[in-house]
Amino acid sequence: MKYNVWYMTPDFFPFGIMGKLPYTSERLSETHTFVKEVEAEHLDDVFLAMQGEQWSPNGEARSLLEGKGLQHTSMTVGDAIVTDNKELWVVSSRGFQQLVVGDRFLA
């Protein structure tokens, strides 16, 4: 299965890392930036694949991330994953939390 990985923007990072969710699933691009597509079996596999030591052990991702205005290499709490089925999942302190299209959350 293919997954699209979205990292929090620097402006949203202090809120997302503390568990705040995007405003709505349709407005993900206001709080997150698309990083890359990952092929994996499960969400946990995506999270592991997006740790810096896995996908950028020698700083390979630095120019990609800087070009997107991002400041963190490893996936963390608050970052998002969109599945092939258009499901949106946000990394939480206890796994992943699904956001449903149209749901509203406080940011």
PDB file of N, CA and C in Angstrom:
ATOM      1  N   MET A   1       0.856  -1.176   0.000  1.00  0.00           N
ATOM      2  CA  MET A   1       0.000   0.000   0.000  1.00  0.00           C
ATOM      3  C   MET A   1       0.901   1.238   0.000  1.00  0.00           C
ATOM      4  N   LYS A   2       0.436   2.289  -0.666  1.00  0.00           N
ATOM      5  CA  LYS A   2       1.177   3.547  -0.706  1.00  0.00           C
ATOM      6  C   LYS A   2       0.579   4.530   0.291  1.00  0.00           C
ATOM      7  N   TYR A   3       1.455   5.249   0.958  1.00  0.00           N
ATOM      8  CA  TYR A   3       1.066   6.241   1.950  1.00  0.00           C
ATOM      9  C   TYR A   3       1.727   7.568   1.616  1.00  0.00           C
ATOM     10  N   ASN A   4       1.002   8.663   1.769  1.00  0.00           N
ATOM     11  CA  ASN A   4       1.571   9.992   1.622  1.00  0.00           C
ATOM     12  C   ASN A   4       1.885  10.537   3.005  1.00  0.00           C
ATOM     13  N   VAL A   5       3.122  10.958   3.182  1.00  0.00           N
ATOM     14  CA  VAL A   5       3.595  11.453   4.474  1.00  0.00           C
ATOM     15  C   VAL A   5       3.578  12.977   4.474  1.00  0.00           C
ATOM     16  N   TRP A   6       2.979  13.544   5.494  1.00  0.00           N
ATOM     17  CA  TRP A   6       2.881  14.991   5.670  1.00  0.00           C
ATOM     18  C   TRP A   6       3.498  15.359   7.024  1.00  0.00           C
ATOM     19  N   TYR A   7       4.429  16.310   7.009  1.00  0.00           N
ATOM     20  CA  TYR A   7       5.047  16.795   8.247  1.00  0.00           C
ATOM     21  C   TYR A   7       4.447  18.143   8.636  1.00  0.00           C
ATOM     22  N   MET A   8       4.405  18.394   9.928  1.00  0.00           N
ATOM     23  CA  MET A   8       3.915  19.669  10.434  1.00  0.00           C
ATOM     24  C   MET A   8       4.821  20.810   9.973  1.00  0.00           C
ATOM     25  N   THR A   9       4.200  21.937   9.660  1.00  0.00           N
ATOM     26  CA  THR A   9       4.965  23.133   9.340  1.00  0.00           C
ATOM     27  C   THR A   9       5.581  23.680  10.631  1.00  0.00           C
ATOM     28  N   PRO A  10       6.650  24.444  10.536  1.00  0.00           N
ATOM     29  CA  PRO A  10       7.262  25.008  11.750  1.00  0.00           C
ATOM     30  C   PRO A  10       6.292  25.814  12.602  1.00  0.00           C
ATOM     31  N   ASP A  11       5.348  26.544  11.972  1.00  0.00           N
ATOM     32  CA  ASP A  11       4.381  27.332  12.745  1.00  0.00           C
ATOM     33  C   ASP A  11       3.438  26.453  13.553  1.00  0.00           C
ATOM     34  N   PHE A  12       3.075  25.298  13.020  1.00  0.00           N
ATOM     35  CA  PHE A  12       2.141  24.406  13.707  1.00  0.00           C
ATOM     36  C   PHE A  12       2.849  23.430  14.649  1.00  0.00           C
ATOM     37  N   PHE A  13       4.138  23.218  14.445  1.00  0.00           N
ATOM     38  CA  PHE A  13       4.887  22.204  15.191  1.00  0.00           C
ATOM     39  C   PHE A  13       4.697  22.297  16.712  1.00  0.00           C
ATOM     40  N   PRO A  14       4.832  23.482  17.336  1.00  0.00           N
ATOM     41  CA  PRO A  14       4.677  23.527  18.802  1.00  0.00           C
ATOM     42  C   PRO A  14       3.311  23.052  19.288  1.00  0.00           C
ATOM     43  N   PHE A  15       2.293  23.216  18.468  1.00  0.00           N
ATOM     44  CA  PHE A  15       0.938  22.791  18.829  1.00  0.00           C
ATOM     45  C   PHE A  15       0.742  21.301  18.537  1.00  0.00           C
ATOM     46  N   GLY A  16       1.176  20.869  17.355  1.00  0.00           N
ATOM     47  CA  GLY A  16       1.011  19.474  16.947  1.00  0.00           C
ATOM     48  C   GLY A  16       1.765  18.510  17.828  1.00  0.00           C
ATOM     49  N   ILE A  17       2.977  18.884  18.234  1.00  0.00           N
ATOM     50  CA  ILE A  17       3.796  18.007  19.075  1.00  0.00           C
ATOM     51  C   ILE A  17       3.127  17.798  20.443  1.00  0.00           C
ATOM     52  N   MET A  18       2.253  18.738  20.817  1.00  0.00           N
ATOM     53  CA  MET A  18       1.531  18.631  22.085  1.00  0.00           C
ATOM     54  C   MET A  18       0.168  17.961  21.919  1.00  0.00           C
ATOM     55  N   GLY A  19      -0.133  17.481  20.709  1.00  0.00           N
ATOM     56  CA  GLY A  19      -1.364  16.726  20.504  1.00  0.00           C
ATOM     57  C   GLY A  19      -2.486  17.459  19.822  1.00  0.00           C
ATOM     58  N   LYS A  20      -2.293  18.727  19.476  1.00  0.00           N
ATOM     59  CA  LYS A  20      -3.348  19.445  18.745  1.00  0.00           C
ATOM     60  C   LYS A  20      -3.462  18.856  17.348  1.00  0.00           C
ATOM     61  N   LEU A  21      -4.655  18.864  16.801  1.00  0.00           N
ATOM     62  CA  LEU A  21      -4.917  18.298  15.484  1.00  0.00           C
ATOM     63  C   LEU A  21      -5.134  19.403  14.459  1.00  0.00           C
ATOM     64  N   PRO A  22      -4.988  19.078  13.176  1.00  0.00           N
ATOM     65  CA  PRO A  22      -5.275  20.085  12.133  1.00  0.00           C
ATOM     66  C   PRO A  22      -6.688  20.621  12.284  1.00  0.00           C
ATOM     67  N   TYR A  23      -6.937  21.813  11.714  1.00  0.00           N
ATOM     68  CA  TYR A  23      -8.260  22.441  11.796  1.00  0.00           C
ATOM     69  C   TYR A  23      -9.348  21.505  11.286  1.00  0.00           C
ATOM     70  N   THR A  24      -9.185  20.993  10.097  1.00  0.00           N
ATOM     71  CA  THR A  24     -10.067  19.977   9.529  1.00  0.00           C
ATOM     72  C   THR A  24      -9.217  19.138   8.589  1.00  0.00           C
ATOM     73  N   SER A  25      -9.713  17.986   8.238  1.00  0.00           N
ATOM     74  CA  SER A  25      -8.955  17.128   7.338  1.00  0.00           C
ATOM     75  C   SER A  25      -8.789  17.777   5.964  1.00  0.00           C
ATOM     76  N   GLU A  26      -9.780  18.569   5.521  1.00  0.00           N
ATOM     77  CA  GLU A  26      -9.682  19.223   4.218  1.00  0.00           C
ATOM     78  C   GLU A  26      -8.642  20.328   4.214  1.00  0.00           C
ATOM     79  N   ARG A  27      -8.263  20.826   5.366  1.00  0.00           N
ATOM     80  CA  ARG A  27      -7.321  21.941   5.464  1.00  0.00           C
ATOM     81  C   ARG A  27      -5.953  21.481   5.939  1.00  0.00           C
ATOM     82  N   LEU A  28      -5.612  20.227   5.695  1.00  0.00           N
ATOM     83  CA  LEU A  28      -4.334  19.681   6.141  1.00  0.00           C
ATOM     84  C   LEU A  28      -3.160  20.522   5.651  1.00  0.00           C
ATOM     85  N   SER A  29      -3.241  21.033   4.432  1.00  0.00           N
ATOM     86  CA  SER A  29      -2.119  21.792   3.870  1.00  0.00           C
ATOM     87  C   SER A  29      -1.878  23.123   4.578  1.00  0.00           C
ATOM     88  N   GLU A  30      -2.788  23.544   5.454  1.00  0.00           N
ATOM     89  CA  GLU A  30      -2.570  24.767   6.228  1.00  0.00           C
ATOM     90  C   GLU A  30      -1.659  24.522   7.426  1.00  0.00           C
ATOM     91  N   THR A  31      -1.551  23.276   7.855  1.00  0.00           N
ATOM     92  CA  THR A  31      -0.748  22.958   9.036  1.00  0.00           C
ATOM     93  C   THR A  31       0.374  21.973   8.748  1.00  0.00           C
ATOM     94  N   HIS A  32       0.325  21.335   7.572  1.00  0.00           N
ATOM     95  CA  HIS A  32       1.282  20.294   7.213  1.00  0.00           C
ATOM     96  C   HIS A  32       1.750  20.470   5.768  1.00  0.00           C
ATOM     97  N   THR A  33       2.898  19.886   5.472  1.00  0.00           N
ATOM     98  CA  THR A  33       3.470  19.915   4.126  1.00  0.00           C
ATOM     99  C   THR A  33       3.751  18.482   3.679  1.00  0.00           C
ATOM    100  N   PHE A  34       3.374  18.170   2.432  1.00  0.00           N
ATOM    101  CA  PHE A  34       3.653  16.850   1.882  1.00  0.00           C
ATOM    102  C   PHE A  34       5.161  16.649   1.793  1.00  0.00           C
ATOM    103  N   VAL A  35       5.640  15.476   2.278  1.00  0.00           N
ATOM    104  CA  VAL A  35       7.066  15.173   2.255  1.00  0.00           C
ATOM    105  C   VAL A  35       7.381  14.160   1.164  1.00  0.00           C
ATOM    106  N   LYS A  36       6.742  12.991   1.225  1.00  0.00           N
ATOM    107  CA  LYS A  36       7.028  11.948   0.240  1.00  0.00           C
ATOM    108  C   LYS A  36       6.024  10.823   0.339  1.00  0.00           C
ATOM    109  N   GLU A  37       6.046   9.969  -0.659  1.00  0.00           N
ATOM    110  CA  GLU A  37       5.227   8.765  -0.676  1.00  0.00           C
ATOM    111  C   GLU A  37       6.078   7.602  -0.185  1.00  0.00           C
ATOM    112  N   VAL A  38       5.470   6.751   0.636  1.00  0.00           N
ATOM    113  CA  VAL A  38       6.158   5.585   1.190  1.00  0.00           C
ATOM    114  C   VAL A  38       5.322   4.353   0.889  1.00  0.00           C
ATOM    115  N   GLU A  39       5.972   3.294   0.471  1.00  0.00           N
ATOM    116  CA  GLU A  39       5.275   2.023   0.282  1.00  0.00           C
ATOM    117  C   GLU A  39       5.535   1.180   1.520  1.00  0.00           C
ATOM    118  N   ALA A  40       4.443   0.694   2.131  1.00  0.00           N
ATOM    119  CA  ALA A  40       4.561  -0.070   3.374  1.00  0.00           C
ATOM    120  C   ALA A  40       3.300  -0.906   3.569  1.00  0.00           C
ATOM    121  N   GLU A  41       3.358  -1.801   4.550  1.00  0.00           N
ATOM    122  CA  GLU A  41       2.215  -2.658   4.867  1.00  0.00           C
ATOM    123  C   GLU A  41       1.252  -2.013   5.860  1.00  0.00           C
ATOM    124  N   HIS A  42       1.809  -1.274   6.844  1.00  0.00           N
ATOM    125  CA  HIS A  42       1.008  -0.731   7.942  1.00  0.00           C
ATOM    126  C   HIS A  42       1.489   0.668   8.303  1.00  0.00           C
ATOM    127  N   LEU A  43       0.677   1.392   9.049  1.00  0.00           N
ATOM    128  CA  LEU A  43       1.052   2.720   9.524  1.00  0.00           C
ATOM    129  C   LEU A  43       2.340   2.672  10.342  1.00  0.00           C
ATOM    130  N   ASP A  44       2.478   1.646  11.185  1.00  0.00           N
ATOM    131  CA  ASP A  44       3.700   1.520  11.992  1.00  0.00           C
ATOM    132  C   ASP A  44       4.939   1.428  11.109  1.00  0.00           C
ATOM    133  N   ASP A  45       4.808   0.735   9.974  1.00  0.00           N
ATOM    134  CA  ASP A  45       5.932   0.613   9.048  1.00  0.00           C
ATOM    135  C   ASP A  45       6.287   1.967   8.430  1.00  0.00           C
ATOM    136  N   VAL A  46       5.280   2.781   8.159  1.00  0.00           N
ATOM    137  CA  VAL A  46       5.526   4.127   7.631  1.00  0.00           C
ATOM    138  C   VAL A  46       6.283   4.939   8.667  1.00  0.00           C
ATOM    139  N   PHE A  47       5.820   4.884   9.917  1.00  0.00           N
ATOM    140  CA  PHE A  47       6.480   5.632  10.984  1.00  0.00           C
ATOM    141  C   PHE A  47       7.952   5.227  11.096  1.00  0.00           C
ATOM    142  N   LEU A  48       8.218   3.942  11.091  1.00  0.00           N
ATOM    143  CA  LEU A  48       9.605   3.465  11.187  1.00  0.00           C
ATOM    144  C   LEU A  48      10.429   3.884   9.973  1.00  0.00           C
ATOM    145  N   ALA A  49       9.834   3.801   8.788  1.00  0.00           N
ATOM    146  CA  ALA A  49      10.552   4.178   7.568  1.00  0.00           C
ATOM    147  C   ALA A  49      10.901   5.665   7.547  1.00  0.00           C
ATOM    148  N   MET A  50      10.113   6.477   8.253  1.00  0.00           N
ATOM    149  CA  MET A  50      10.330   7.923   8.243  1.00  0.00           C
ATOM    150  C   MET A  50      11.175   8.417   9.421  1.00  0.00           C
ATOM    151  N   GLN A  51      11.853   7.527  10.105  1.00  0.00           N
ATOM    152  CA  GLN A  51      12.818   7.952  11.117  1.00  0.00           C
ATOM    153  C   GLN A  51      14.105   8.330  10.397  1.00  0.00           C
ATOM    154  N   GLY A  52      14.737   9.386  10.829  1.00  0.00           N
ATOM    155  CA  GLY A  52      15.905   9.927  10.160  1.00  0.00           C
ATOM    156  C   GLY A  52      16.989   8.908   9.883  1.00  0.00           C
ATOM    157  N   GLU A  53      17.238   8.016  10.825  1.00  0.00           N
ATOM    158  CA  GLU A  53      18.304   7.027  10.637  1.00  0.00           C
ATOM    159  C   GLU A  53      17.967   6.026   9.537  1.00  0.00           C
ATOM    160  N   GLN A  54      16.689   5.940   9.156  1.00  0.00           N
ATOM    161  CA  GLN A  54      16.268   5.034   8.083  1.00  0.00           C
ATOM    162  C   GLN A  54      16.299   5.701   6.708  1.00  0.00           C
ATOM    163  N   TRP A  55      15.672   6.868   6.597  1.00  0.00           N
ATOM    164  CA  TRP A  55      15.524   7.460   5.268  1.00  0.00           C
ATOM    165  C   TRP A  55      16.522   8.569   4.978  1.00  0.00           C
ATOM    166  N   SER A  56      17.292   8.962   5.986  1.00  0.00           N
ATOM    167  CA  SER A  56      18.288  10.009   5.777  1.00  0.00           C
ATOM    168  C   SER A  56      19.476   9.823   6.715  1.00  0.00           C
ATOM    169  N   PRO A  57      20.100   8.644   6.696  1.00  0.00           N
ATOM    170  CA  PRO A  57      21.174   8.378   7.660  1.00  0.00           C
ATOM    171  C   PRO A  57      22.387   9.296   7.505  1.00  0.00           C
ATOM    172  N   ASN A  58      22.591   9.838   6.325  1.00  0.00           N
ATOM    173  CA  ASN A  58      23.736  10.720   6.085  1.00  0.00           C
ATOM    174  C   ASN A  58      23.303  12.121   5.670  1.00  0.00           C
ATOM    175  N   GLY A  59      22.091  12.504   6.076  1.00  0.00           N
ATOM    176  CA  GLY A  59      21.583  13.835   5.766  1.00  0.00           C
ATOM    177  C   GLY A  59      21.030  14.000   4.363  1.00  0.00           C
ATOM    178  N   GLU A  60      20.715  12.889   3.695  1.00  0.00           N
ATOM    179  CA  GLU A  60      20.212  12.939   2.324  1.00  0.00           C
ATOM    180  C   GLU A  60      18.930  13.775   2.194  1.00  0.00           C
ATOM    181  N   ALA A  61      18.119  13.817   3.228  1.00  0.00           N
ATOM    182  CA  ALA A  61      16.832  14.507   3.145  1.00  0.00           C
ATOM    183  C   ALA A  61      16.927  16.005   3.446  1.00  0.00           C
ATOM    184  N   ARG A  62      18.075  16.462   3.853  1.00  0.00           N
ATOM    185  CA  ARG A  62      18.219  17.868   4.276  1.00  0.00           C
ATOM    186  C   ARG A  62      17.731  18.853   3.218  1.00  0.00           C
ATOM    187  N   SER A  63      18.185  18.714   1.984  1.00  0.00           N
ATOM    188  CA  SER A  63      17.791  19.686   0.952  1.00  0.00           C
ATOM    189  C   SER A  63      16.299  19.583   0.636  1.00  0.00           C
ATOM    190  N   LEU A  64      15.742  18.368   0.617  1.00  0.00           N
ATOM    191  CA  LEU A  64      14.315  18.190   0.393  1.00  0.00           C
ATOM    192  C   LEU A  64      13.518  18.918   1.473  1.00  0.00           C
ATOM    193  N   LEU A  65      13.859  18.682   2.734  1.00  0.00           N
ATOM    194  CA  LEU A  65      13.127  19.279   3.849  1.00  0.00           C
ATOM    195  C   LEU A  65      13.293  20.790   3.878  1.00  0.00           C
ATOM    196  N   GLU A  66      14.519  21.279   3.686  1.00  0.00           N
ATOM    197  CA  GLU A  66      14.738  22.728   3.677  1.00  0.00           C
ATOM    198  C   GLU A  66      13.967  23.383   2.543  1.00  0.00           C
ATOM    199  N   GLY A  67      13.928  22.723   1.375  1.00  0.00           N
ATOM    200  CA  GLY A  67      13.191  23.255   0.234  1.00  0.00           C
ATOM    201  C   GLY A  67      11.697  23.363   0.485  1.00  0.00           C
ATOM    202  N   LYS A  68      11.192  22.550   1.393  1.00  0.00           N
ATOM    203  CA  LYS A  68       9.769  22.569   1.747  1.00  0.00           C
ATOM    204  C   LYS A  68       9.513  23.427   2.989  1.00  0.00           C
ATOM    205  N   GLY A  69      10.581  24.020   3.533  1.00  0.00           N
ATOM    206  CA  GLY A  69      10.429  24.864   4.721  1.00  0.00           C
ATOM    207  C   GLY A  69      10.228  24.085   6.001  1.00  0.00           C
ATOM    208  N   LEU A  70      10.635  22.822   6.011  1.00  0.00           N
ATOM    209  CA  LEU A  70      10.469  21.970   7.192  1.00  0.00           C
ATOM    210  C   LEU A  70      11.763  21.898   7.994  1.00  0.00           C
ATOM    211  N   GLN A  71      11.629  21.573   9.280  1.00  0.00           N
ATOM    212  CA  GLN A  71      12.790  21.599  10.154  1.00  0.00           C
ATOM    213  C   GLN A  71      13.054  20.290  10.878  1.00  0.00           C
ATOM    214  N   HIS A  72      12.223  19.272  10.677  1.00  0.00           N
ATOM    215  CA  HIS A  72      12.475  18.003  11.359  1.00  0.00           C
ATOM    216  C   HIS A  72      12.540  16.861  10.353  1.00  0.00           C
ATOM    217  N   THR A  73      13.449  15.930  10.622  1.00  0.00           N
ATOM    218  CA  THR A  73      13.685  14.813   9.706  1.00  0.00           C
ATOM    219  C   THR A  73      12.857  13.597  10.069  1.00  0.00           C
ATOM    220  N   SER A  74      12.794  13.265  11.342  1.00  0.00           N
ATOM    221  CA  SER A  74      12.078  12.065  11.792  1.00  0.00           C
ATOM    222  C   SER A  74      10.608  12.363  12.036  1.00  0.00           C
ATOM    223  N   MET A  75       9.747  11.442  11.593  1.00  0.00           N
ATOM    224  CA  MET A  75       8.315  11.553  11.846  1.00  0.00           C
ATOM    225  C   MET A  75       8.080  11.551  13.350  1.00  0.00           C
ATOM    226  N   THR A  76       7.151  12.384  13.803  1.00  0.00           N
ATOM    227  CA  THR A  76       6.891  12.536  15.225  1.00  0.00           C
ATOM    228  C   THR A  76       5.405  12.790  15.481  1.00  0.00           C
ATOM    229  N   VAL A  77       5.038  12.884  16.748  1.00  0.00           N
ATOM    230  CA  VAL A  77       3.666  13.194  17.150  1.00  0.00           C
ATOM    231  C   VAL A  77       3.224  14.468  16.439  1.00  0.00           C
ATOM    232  N   GLY A  78       2.049  14.401  15.810  1.00  0.00           N
ATOM    233  CA  GLY A  78       1.492  15.543  15.103  1.00  0.00           C
ATOM    234  C   GLY A  78       1.639  15.467  13.593  1.00  0.00           C
ATOM    235  N   ASP A  79       2.589  14.659  13.106  1.00  0.00           N
ATOM    236  CA  ASP A  79       2.734  14.477  11.665  1.00  0.00           C
ATOM    237  C   ASP A  79       1.589  13.602  11.158  1.00  0.00           C
ATOM    238  N   ALA A  80       1.355  13.614   9.843  1.00  0.00           N
ATOM    239  CA  ALA A  80       0.169  12.951   9.289  1.00  0.00           C
ATOM    240  C   ALA A  80       0.527  11.972   8.170  1.00  0.00           C
ATOM    241  N   ILE A  81      -0.357  10.997   8.001  1.00  0.00           N
ATOM    242  CA  ILE A  81      -0.231   9.993   6.948  1.00  0.00           C
ATOM    243  C   ILE A  81      -1.582   9.883   6.249  1.00  0.00           C
ATOM    244  N   VAL A  82      -1.559   9.939   4.912  1.00  0.00           N
ATOM    245  CA  VAL A  82      -2.779   9.755   4.122  1.00  0.00           C
ATOM    246  C   VAL A  82      -2.628   8.450   3.355  1.00  0.00           C
ATOM    247  N   THR A  83      -3.621   7.574   3.479  1.00  0.00           N
ATOM    248  CA  THR A  83      -3.574   6.256   2.833  1.00  0.00           C
ATOM    249  C   THR A  83      -4.078   6.327   1.400  1.00  0.00           C
ATOM    250  N   ASP A  84      -3.891   5.227   0.672  1.00  0.00           N
ATOM    251  CA  ASP A  84      -4.448   5.081  -0.691  1.00  0.00           C
ATOM    252  C   ASP A  84      -5.955   5.317  -0.691  1.00  0.00           C
ATOM    253  N   ASN A  85      -6.601   4.936   0.400  1.00  0.00           N
ATOM    254  CA  ASN A  85      -8.066   5.054   0.520  1.00  0.00           C
ATOM    255  C   ASN A  85      -8.504   6.435   0.979  1.00  0.00           C
ATOM    256  N   LYS A  86      -7.556   7.390   1.011  1.00  0.00           N
ATOM    257  CA  LYS A  86      -7.822   8.773   1.432  1.00  0.00           C
ATOM    258  C   LYS A  86      -8.151   8.890   2.915  1.00  0.00           C
ATOM    259  N   GLU A  87      -7.760   7.890   3.703  1.00  0.00           N
ATOM    260  CA  GLU A  87      -7.901   8.004   5.157  1.00  0.00           C
ATOM    261  C   GLU A  87      -6.758   8.872   5.671  1.00  0.00           C
ATOM    262  N   LEU A  88      -7.063   9.725   6.634  1.00  0.00           N
ATOM    263  CA  LEU A  88      -6.055  10.604   7.223  1.00  0.00           C
ATOM    264  C   LEU A  88      -5.798  10.183   8.660  1.00  0.00           C
ATOM    265  N   TRP A  89      -4.540   9.900   8.959  1.00  0.00           N
ATOM    266  CA  TRP A  89      -4.119   9.489  10.287  1.00  0.00           C
ATOM    267  C   TRP A  89      -3.069  10.463  10.801  1.00  0.00           C
ATOM    268  N   VAL A  90      -3.164  10.829  12.076  1.00  0.00           N
ATOM    269  CA  VAL A  90      -2.178  11.699  12.710  1.00  0.00           C
ATOM    270  C   VAL A  90      -1.453  10.884  13.773  1.00  0.00           C
ATOM    271  N   VAL A  91      -0.129  11.015  13.799  1.00  0.00           N
ATOM    272  CA  VAL A  91       0.668  10.326  14.815  1.00  0.00           C
ATOM    273  C   VAL A  91       0.312  10.916  16.173  1.00  0.00           C
ATOM    274  N   SER A  92      -0.014  10.047  17.125  1.00  0.00           N
ATOM    275  CA  SER A  92      -0.329  10.494  18.480  1.00  0.00           C
ATOM    276  C   SER A  92       0.667   9.863  19.449  1.00  0.00           C
ATOM    277  N   SER A  93       0.563  10.236  20.685  1.00  0.00           N
ATOM    278  CA  SER A  93       1.483   9.681  21.692  1.00  0.00           C
ATOM    279  C   SER A  93       1.209   8.204  21.948  1.00  0.00           C
ATOM    280  N   ARG A  94       0.053   7.718  21.485  1.00  0.00           N
ATOM    281  CA  ARG A  94      -0.311   6.304  21.681  1.00  0.00           C
ATOM    282  C   ARG A  94      -0.652   5.618  20.366  1.00  0.00           C
ATOM    283  N   GLY A  95       0.083   5.925  19.333  1.00  0.00           N
ATOM    284  CA  GLY A  95      -0.177   5.295  18.039  1.00  0.00           C
ATOM    285  C   GLY A  95      -0.623   6.309  17.013  1.00  0.00           C
ATOM    286  N   PHE A  96      -1.821   6.084  16.454  1.00  0.00           N
ATOM    287  CA  PHE A  96      -2.340   6.933  15.391  1.00  0.00           C
ATOM    288  C   PHE A  96      -3.797   7.253  15.662  1.00  0.00           C
ATOM    289  N   GLN A  97      -4.207   8.466  15.318  1.00  0.00           N
ATOM    290  CA  GLN A  97      -5.598   8.882  15.465  1.00  0.00           C
ATOM    291  C   GLN A  97      -6.129   9.215  14.079  1.00  0.00           C
ATOM    292  N   GLN A  98      -7.267   8.633  13.720  1.00  0.00           N
ATOM    293  CA  GLN A  98      -7.848   8.886  12.406  1.00  0.00           C
ATOM    294  C   GLN A  98      -8.705  10.146  12.441  1.00  0.00           C
ATOM    295  N   LEU A  99      -8.561  10.981  11.410  1.00  0.00           N
ATOM    296  CA  LEU A  99      -9.431  12.127  11.212  1.00  0.00           C
ATOM    297  C   LEU A  99     -10.374  11.773  10.077  1.00  0.00           C
ATOM    298  N   VAL A 100     -11.620  12.103  10.224  1.00  0.00           N
ATOM    299  CA  VAL A 100     -12.618  11.793   9.203  1.00  0.00           C
ATOM    300  C   VAL A 100     -12.861  13.050   8.382  1.00  0.00           C
ATOM    301  N   VAL A 101     -12.960  12.900   7.064  1.00  0.00           N
ATOM    302  CA  VAL A 101     -13.186  14.046   6.194  1.00  0.00           C
ATOM    303  C   VAL A 101     -14.407  14.808   6.685  1.00  0.00           C
ATOM    304  N   GLY A 102     -14.233  16.101   6.866  1.00  0.00           N
ATOM    305  CA  GLY A 102     -15.329  16.950   7.323  1.00  0.00           C
ATOM    306  C   GLY A 102     -15.346  17.173   8.821  1.00  0.00           C
ATOM    307  N   ASP A 103     -14.635  16.329   9.580  1.00  0.00           N
ATOM    308  CA  ASP A 103     -14.587  16.544  11.029  1.00  0.00           C
ATOM    309  C   ASP A 103     -13.824  17.830  11.334  1.00  0.00           C
ATOM    310  N   ARG A 104     -14.227  18.513  12.359  1.00  0.00           N
ATOM    311  CA  ARG A 104     -13.549  19.748  12.772  1.00  0.00           C
ATOM    312  C   ARG A 104     -12.827  19.491  14.087  1.00  0.00           C
ATOM    313  N   PHE A 105     -11.612  20.012  14.160  1.00  0.00           N
ATOM    314  CA  PHE A 105     -10.806  19.871  15.362  1.00  0.00           C
ATOM    315  C   PHE A 105     -10.245  21.230  15.721  1.00  0.00           C
ATOM    316  N   LEU A 106     -10.014  21.440  16.986  1.00  0.00           N
ATOM    317  CA  LEU A 106      -9.366  22.678  17.418  1.00  0.00           C
ATOM    318  C   LEU A 106      -7.872  22.548  17.192  1.00  0.00           C
ATOM    319  N   ALA A 107      -7.259  23.576  16.689  1.00  0.00           N
ATOM    320  CA  ALA A 107      -5.810  23.560  16.467  1.00  0.00           C
ATOM    321  C   ALA A 107      -5.120  24.447  17.473  1.00  0.00           C
TER     322      ALA A 107
END
